[in-house]
C-alpha atoms as a PDB file:
ATOM      1  CA  MET A   1      91.365  86.212  90.897  1.00  0.00           C
ATOM      2  CA  ASN A   2      90.790  86.280  94.657  1.00  0.00           C
ATOM      3  CA  LEU A   3      92.089  83.327  96.656  1.00  0.00           C
ATOM      4  CA  THR A   4      91.788  82.495 100.335  1.00  0.00           C
ATOM      5  CA  GLN A   5      95.071  82.109 102.172  1.00  0.00           C
ATOM      6  CA  GLU A   6      94.790  78.307 101.978  1.00  0.00           C
ATOM      7  CA  GLU A   7      94.110  78.367  98.215  1.00  0.00           C
ATOM      8  CA  TRP A   8      96.843  80.957  97.619  1.00  0.00           C
ATOM      9  CA  VAL A   9      99.488  78.974  99.519  1.00  0.00           C
ATOM     10  CA  SER A  10      98.628  75.548  98.107  1.00  0.00           C
ATOM     11  CA  GLN A  11      98.459  76.898  94.552  1.00  0.00           C
ATOM     12  CA  PHE A  12     101.686  78.888  94.993  1.00  0.00           C
ATOM     13  CA  GLU A  13     103.606  75.952  96.463  1.00  0.00           C
ATOM     14  CA  ALA A  14     102.616  73.724  93.529  1.00  0.00           C
ATOM     15  CA  ASP A  15     103.448  76.404  90.928  1.00  0.00           C
ATOM     16  CA  GLU A  16     106.961  76.250  89.454  1.00  0.00           C
ATOM     17  CA  ASN A  17     106.257  79.470  87.560  1.00  0.00           C
ATOM     18  CA  ALA A  18     105.264  81.534  90.611  1.00  0.00           C
ATOM     19  CA  VAL A  19     106.360  84.990  91.730  1.00  0.00           C
ATOM     20  CA  ILE A  20     105.173  86.553  95.012  1.00  0.00           C
ATOM     21  CA  LEU A  21     104.518  90.273  94.622  1.00  0.00           C
ATOM     22  CA  ASP A  22     104.112  92.667  97.556  1.00  0.00           C
ATOM     23  CA  VAL A  23     102.417  95.919  96.465  1.00  0.00           C
ATOM     24  CA  ARG A  24     102.759  97.739  99.811  1.00  0.00           C
ATOM     25  CA  THR A  25     104.941 100.765 100.547  1.00  0.00           C
ATOM     26  CA  GLU A  26     108.594 100.381 101.456  1.00  0.00           C
ATOM     27  CA  SER A  27     107.911 101.358 105.080  1.00  0.00           C
ATOM     28  CA  GLU A  28     105.205  98.668 105.306  1.00  0.00           C
ATOM     29  CA  CYS A  29     107.624  96.103 103.865  1.00  0.00           C
ATOM     30  CA  ASP A  30     110.200  97.082 106.485  1.00  0.00           C
ATOM     31  CA  GLU A  31     107.787  95.643 109.070  1.00  0.00           C
ATOM     32  CA  GLY A  32     108.057  92.217 107.432  1.00  0.00           C
ATOM     33  CA  ILE A  33     107.359  90.424 104.157  1.00  0.00           C
ATOM     34  CA  ILE A  34     106.262  86.991 102.992  1.00  0.00           C
ATOM     35  CA  PRO A  35     109.521  85.139 102.151  1.00  0.00           C
ATOM     36  CA  ASN A  36     110.878  85.507  98.592  1.00  0.00           C
ATOM     37  CA  SER A  37     108.470  88.283  97.635  1.00  0.00           C
ATOM     38  CA  ILE A  38     109.405  91.220  95.443  1.00  0.00           C
ATOM     39  CA  ASN A  39     108.089  94.699  96.190  1.00  0.00           C
ATOM     40  CA  ILE A  40     106.490  97.031  93.660  1.00  0.00           C
ATOM     41  CA  ASP A  41     104.591  99.818  95.454  1.00  0.00           C
ATOM     42  CA  ILE A  42     101.164 100.359  93.867  1.00  0.00           C
ATOM     43  CA  TYR A  43     101.175 103.945  95.168  1.00  0.00           C
ATOM     44  CA  GLU A  44     104.025 104.776  92.752  1.00  0.00           C
ATOM     45  CA  GLY A  45     101.502 105.371  89.959  1.00  0.00           C
ATOM     46  CA  GLN A  46     103.186 105.397  86.559  1.00  0.00           C
ATOM     47  CA  VAL A  47     106.357 103.872  88.037  1.00  0.00           C
ATOM     48  CA  PHE A  48     104.234 100.929  89.242  1.00  0.00           C
ATOM     49  CA  ILE A  49     102.747 100.524  85.750  1.00  0.00           C
ATOM     50  CA  ASP A  50     106.211 100.701  84.139  1.00  0.00           C
ATOM     51  CA  LYS A  51     107.561  98.040  86.517  1.00  0.00           C
ATOM     52  CA  ILE A  52     104.546  95.774  85.901  1.00  0.00           C
ATOM     53  CA  GLU A  53     104.971  96.173  82.136  1.00  0.00           C
ATOM     54  CA  ALA A  54     108.617  95.062  82.514  1.00  0.00           C
ATOM     55  CA  LEU A  55     107.642  91.818  84.296  1.00  0.00           C
ATOM     56  CA  ASP A  56     107.700  88.433  82.587  1.00  0.00           C
ATOM     57  CA  LYS A  57     104.045  88.062  81.543  1.00  0.00           C
ATOM     58  CA  SER A  58     104.381  84.261  81.350  1.00  0.00           C
ATOM     59  CA  LYS A  59     104.887  83.991  85.133  1.00  0.00           C
ATOM     60  CA  ASN A  60     102.065  83.509  87.651  1.00  0.00           C
ATOM     61  CA  TYR A  61     101.912  86.349  90.175  1.00  0.00           C
ATOM     62  CA  TYR A  62     100.705  85.876  93.746  1.00  0.00           C
ATOM     63  CA  VAL A  63      99.946  89.383  94.947  1.00  0.00           C
ATOM     64  CA  TYR A  64      99.411  90.715  98.465  1.00  0.00           C
ATOM     65  CA  CYS A  65      99.190  93.973 100.392  1.00  0.00           C
ATOM     66  CA  HIS A  66      98.141  94.893 103.934  1.00  0.00           C
ATOM     67  CA  SER A  67      94.482  93.854 103.837  1.00  0.00           C
ATOM     68  CA  GLY A  68      93.767  92.704 100.263  1.00  0.00           C
ATOM     69  CA  ALA A  69      92.293  95.888  98.763  1.00  0.00           C
ATOM     70  CA  ARG A  70      95.378  97.316  97.014  1.00  0.00           C
ATOM     71  CA  SER A  71      96.430  93.861  95.823  1.00  0.00           C
ATOM     72  CA  ALA A  72      92.970  93.308  94.293  1.00  0.00           C
ATOM     73  CA  LYS A  73      93.409  96.593  92.397  1.00  0.00           C
ATOM     74  CA  ALA A  74      96.959  95.588  91.442  1.00  0.00           C
ATOM     75  CA  CYS A  75      95.727  92.265  90.018  1.00  0.00           C
ATOM     76  CA  GLU A  76      93.140  94.128  87.954  1.00  0.00           C
ATOM     77  CA  LEU A  77      95.788  96.536  86.628  1.00  0.00           C
ATOM     78  CA  MET A  78      98.192  93.662  85.915  1.00  0.00           C
ATOM     79  CA  GLU A  79      95.563  91.813  83.908  1.00  0.00           C
ATOM     80  CA  ASN A  80      94.865  95.001  81.928  1.00  0.00           C
ATOM     81  CA  LEU A  81      98.609  95.214  81.204  1.00  0.00           C
ATOM     82  CA  GLY A  82      98.780  91.683  79.816  1.00  0.00           C
ATOM     83  CA  VAL A  83      99.652  89.564  82.866  1.00  0.00           C
ATOM     84  CA  GLN A  84      97.502  86.469  82.407  1.00  0.00           C
ATOM     85  CA  ASN A  85      97.657  85.048  85.930  1.00  0.00           C
ATOM     86  CA  ALA A  86      97.522  87.358  88.957  1.00  0.00           C
ATOM     87  CA  TYR A  87      96.138  85.966  92.207  1.00  0.00           C
ATOM     88  CA  ASN A  88      95.052  88.206  95.070  1.00  0.00           C
ATOM     89  CA  LEU A  89      95.584  87.101  98.670  1.00  0.00           C
ATOM     90  CA  LEU A  90      92.261  87.797 100.416  1.00  0.00           C
ATOM     91  CA  GLY A  91      92.849  89.488 103.776  1.00  0.00           C
ATOM     92  CA  GLY A  92      96.429  90.429 102.890  1.00  0.00           C
ATOM     93  CA  ILE A  93      99.379  90.114 105.252  1.00  0.00           C
ATOM     94  CA  LEU A  94      97.050  91.237 108.060  1.00  0.00           C
ATOM     95  CA  ASN A  95      95.455  87.764 108.083  1.00  0.00           C
ATOM     96  CA  TRP A  96      98.612  85.888 107.040  1.00  0.00           C
ATOM     97  CA  ASP A  97      99.544  83.087 109.422  1.00  0.00           C
ATOM     98  CA  GLY A  98     102.573  81.878 107.483  1.00  0.00           C
ATOM     99  CA  GLU A  99     106.184  82.941 107.851  1.00  0.00           C
ATOM    100  CA  ILE A 100     107.114  86.643 107.806  1.00  0.00           C
ATOM    101  CA  VAL A 101     110.728  87.725 107.344  1.00  0.00           C
ATOM    102  CA  SER A 102     112.697  90.966 107.232  1.00  0.00           C
ATOM    103  CA  PRO A 103     113.200  92.324 103.712  1.00  0.00           C
END
């Protein structure tokens, strides 16, 4: 499900079962991440799928990338792999106006 930044943040902050997932590359993450996010690079192919399959499917995942395209694909893949709630950040970190920290 695609959410605007405002929807994504307000829903995430109210969600006690939330996990923030960054699907960018390691070098992109080195430039800064949204606080408390975990990184699983969507470009890792089967490794990405294996890591998604190992996640707790009962959690709610708030997913972002650089601009929102890879994270939209990641949400689709996650739902196909049994994750019930995956929320895409429209516009990605490119349009993020919240805090960014070093990984």
